[in-house]
Amino acid sequence: MYSILIYDIHLDKKGKRVLREIFKTAKKYMIHIQNSVFEGELSPDQYKNLSSELKKYLREGLDSCIIFSSRNIKWMDKDFIVKETDNKTDTFL
């Protein structure tokens, strides 16, 4: 399934470490396209593993992470409001 992951980490004393771990974990499964945003194709097992790994680091009440999913990218439109800075998303267009 095609997925978009976004996250927001509260930057207190532990937040910088959490931010690094979330970034590293998401990058193992998806393509980094913008600050705190990743996208890519995930199998059901990859989705389950990614979610499980992220839960190890996210702190209840402080951090948030949302994964939007669609069965297929062809059912999602992507509009760039301003010119994109690189071609990281070409794979999915």
C-alpha atoms as a PDB file:
ATOM      1  CA  MET A   1       0.000   0.000   0.000  1.00  0.00           C
ATOM      2  CA  TYR A   2       1.147   3.542  -0.724  1.00  0.00           C
ATOM      3  CA  SER A   3       1.665   5.497   2.510  1.00  0.00           C
ATOM      4  CA  ILE A   4       2.567   8.974   3.693  1.00  0.00           C
ATOM      5  CA  LEU A   5       4.031   9.343   7.182  1.00  0.00           C
ATOM      6  CA  ILE A   6       4.168  12.652   9.031  1.00  0.00           C
ATOM      7  CA  TYR A   7       5.410  13.292  12.533  1.00  0.00           C
ATOM      8  CA  ASP A   8       5.773  16.055  15.082  1.00  0.00           C
ATOM      9  CA  ILE A   9       8.159  15.574  17.985  1.00  0.00           C
ATOM     10  CA  HIS A  10       8.127  17.747  21.120  1.00  0.00           C
ATOM     11  CA  LEU A  11      11.675  19.075  21.440  1.00  0.00           C
ATOM     12  CA  ASP A  12      12.404  18.911  25.139  1.00  0.00           C
ATOM     13  CA  LYS A  13      15.562  17.278  26.598  1.00  0.00           C
ATOM     14  CA  LYS A  14      14.709  13.845  25.208  1.00  0.00           C
ATOM     15  CA  GLY A  15      13.023  15.157  22.056  1.00  0.00           C
ATOM     16  CA  LYS A  16      16.182  15.470  19.967  1.00  0.00           C
ATOM     17  CA  ARG A  17      17.011  11.811  20.547  1.00  0.00           C
ATOM     18  CA  VAL A  18      13.409  10.825  19.778  1.00  0.00           C
ATOM     19  CA  LEU A  19      13.509  12.903  16.586  1.00  0.00           C
ATOM     20  CA  ARG A  20      16.685  11.143  15.414  1.00  0.00           C
ATOM     21  CA  GLU A  21      15.256   7.695  16.137  1.00  0.00           C
ATOM     22  CA  ILE A  22      11.958   8.417  14.379  1.00  0.00           C
ATOM     23  CA  PHE A  23      13.820   9.786  11.339  1.00  0.00           C
ATOM     24  CA  LYS A  24      16.168   6.768  11.167  1.00  0.00           C
ATOM     25  CA  THR A  25      13.308   4.313  11.565  1.00  0.00           C
ATOM     26  CA  ALA A  26      11.105   5.934   8.919  1.00  0.00           C
ATOM     27  CA  LYS A  27      14.055   6.163   6.499  1.00  0.00           C
ATOM     28  CA  LYS A  28      14.522   2.367   6.691  1.00  0.00           C
ATOM     29  CA  TYR A  29      11.079   1.867   5.153  1.00  0.00           C
ATOM     30  CA  MET A  30      10.246   4.996   3.180  1.00  0.00           C
ATOM     31  CA  ILE A  31      11.679   7.933   1.222  1.00  0.00           C
ATOM     32  CA  HIS A  32      12.269  11.235   3.023  1.00  0.00           C
ATOM     33  CA  ILE A  33      10.588  13.970   0.980  1.00  0.00           C
ATOM     34  CA  GLN A  34      10.351  16.936   3.340  1.00  0.00           C
ATOM     35  CA  ASN A  35      10.923  17.842   6.988  1.00  0.00           C
ATOM     36  CA  SER A  36       9.034  15.254   9.035  1.00  0.00           C
ATOM     37  CA  VAL A  37       7.414  13.714   5.932  1.00  0.00           C
ATOM     38  CA  PHE A  38       8.098  10.345   4.306  1.00  0.00           C
ATOM     39  CA  GLU A  39       6.327   8.431   1.550  1.00  0.00           C
ATOM     40  CA  GLY A  40       6.526   5.032  -0.082  1.00  0.00           C
ATOM     41  CA  GLU A  41       5.071   1.625  -0.789  1.00  0.00           C
ATOM     42  CA  LEU A  42       4.731  -0.608   2.267  1.00  0.00           C
ATOM     43  CA  SER A  43       3.693  -4.240   2.434  1.00  0.00           C
ATOM     44  CA  PRO A  44       1.349  -5.146   5.318  1.00  0.00           C
ATOM     45  CA  ASP A  45       4.324  -6.655   7.178  1.00  0.00           C
ATOM     46  CA  GLN A  46       6.469  -3.559   6.620  1.00  0.00           C
ATOM     47  CA  TYR A  47       3.617  -1.350   7.851  1.00  0.00           C
ATOM     48  CA  LYS A  48       3.255  -3.478  10.988  1.00  0.00           C
ATOM     49  CA  ASN A  49       7.025  -3.452  11.645  1.00  0.00           C
ATOM     50  CA  LEU A  50       7.320   0.290  11.040  1.00  0.00           C
ATOM     51  CA  SER A  51       4.423   1.042  13.390  1.00  0.00           C
ATOM     52  CA  SER A  52       5.857  -1.239  16.053  1.00  0.00           C
ATOM     53  CA  GLU A  53       9.317   0.344  15.838  1.00  0.00           C
ATOM     54  CA  LEU A  54       7.931   3.889  15.951  1.00  0.00           C
ATOM     55  CA  LYS A  55       5.876   3.105  19.065  1.00  0.00           C
ATOM     56  CA  LYS A  56       9.113   2.323  20.924  1.00  0.00           C
ATOM     57  CA  TYR A  57      10.188   5.978  20.628  1.00  0.00           C
ATOM     58  CA  LEU A  58       7.013   8.080  20.467  1.00  0.00           C
ATOM     59  CA  ARG A  59       5.940   9.548  23.784  1.00  0.00           C
ATOM     60  CA  GLU A  60       2.250   9.606  24.640  1.00  0.00           C
ATOM     61  CA  GLY A  61       0.913  13.126  25.051  1.00  0.00           C
ATOM     62  CA  LEU A  62       4.054  14.774  23.619  1.00  0.00           C
ATOM     63  CA  ASP A  63       4.714  13.415  20.129  1.00  0.00           C
ATOM     64  CA  SER A  64       2.493  12.547  17.205  1.00  0.00           C
ATOM     65  CA  CYS A  65       2.858  10.426  14.111  1.00  0.00           C
ATOM     66  CA  ILE A  66       0.242   9.859  11.414  1.00  0.00           C
ATOM     67  CA  ILE A  67       0.394   7.397   8.534  1.00  0.00           C
ATOM     68  CA  PHE A  68      -2.026   7.971   5.671  1.00  0.00           C
ATOM     69  CA  SER A  69      -2.469   4.925   3.449  1.00  0.00           C
ATOM     70  CA  SER A  70      -4.077   4.109   0.144  1.00  0.00           C
ATOM     71  CA  ARG A  71      -4.281   0.762  -1.583  1.00  0.00           C
ATOM     72  CA  ASN A  72      -2.650   2.269  -4.645  1.00  0.00           C
ATOM     73  CA  ILE A  73      -0.858   5.523  -5.486  1.00  0.00           C
ATOM     74  CA  LYS A  74      -2.993   5.969  -8.609  1.00  0.00           C
ATOM     75  CA  TRP A  75      -5.882   6.977  -6.332  1.00  0.00           C
ATOM     76  CA  MET A  76      -3.896   9.851  -4.854  1.00  0.00           C
ATOM     77  CA  ASP A  77      -3.132  13.146  -6.530  1.00  0.00           C
ATOM     78  CA  LYS A  78       0.033  15.021  -5.713  1.00  0.00           C
ATOM     79  CA  ASP A  79       0.185  18.757  -6.328  1.00  0.00           C
ATOM     80  CA  PHE A  80       3.288  20.833  -5.676  1.00  0.00           C
ATOM     81  CA  ILE A  81       2.186  24.347  -4.722  1.00  0.00           C
ATOM     82  CA  VAL A  82       5.681  25.685  -5.353  1.00  0.00           C
ATOM     83  CA  LYS A  83       8.445  24.070  -7.345  1.00  0.00           C
ATOM     84  CA  GLU A  84       9.840  20.987  -5.656  1.00  0.00           C
ATOM     85  CA  THR A  85      13.464  21.279  -4.551  1.00  0.00           C
ATOM     86  CA  ASP A  86      14.631  17.912  -5.891  1.00  0.00           C
ATOM     87  CA  ASN A  87      13.350  14.798  -7.596  1.00  0.00           C
ATOM     88  CA  LYS A  88      13.007  12.496  -4.586  1.00  0.00           C
ATOM     89  CA  THR A  89       9.362  11.821  -5.387  1.00  0.00           C
ATOM     90  CA  ASP A  90       9.825  10.954  -9.081  1.00  0.00           C
ATOM     91  CA  THR A  91       9.593   7.269  -8.226  1.00  0.00           C
ATOM     92  CA  PHE A  92       6.008   7.744  -7.146  1.00  0.00           C
ATOM     93  CA  LEU A  93       4.692  10.090  -9.828  1.00  0.00           C
END
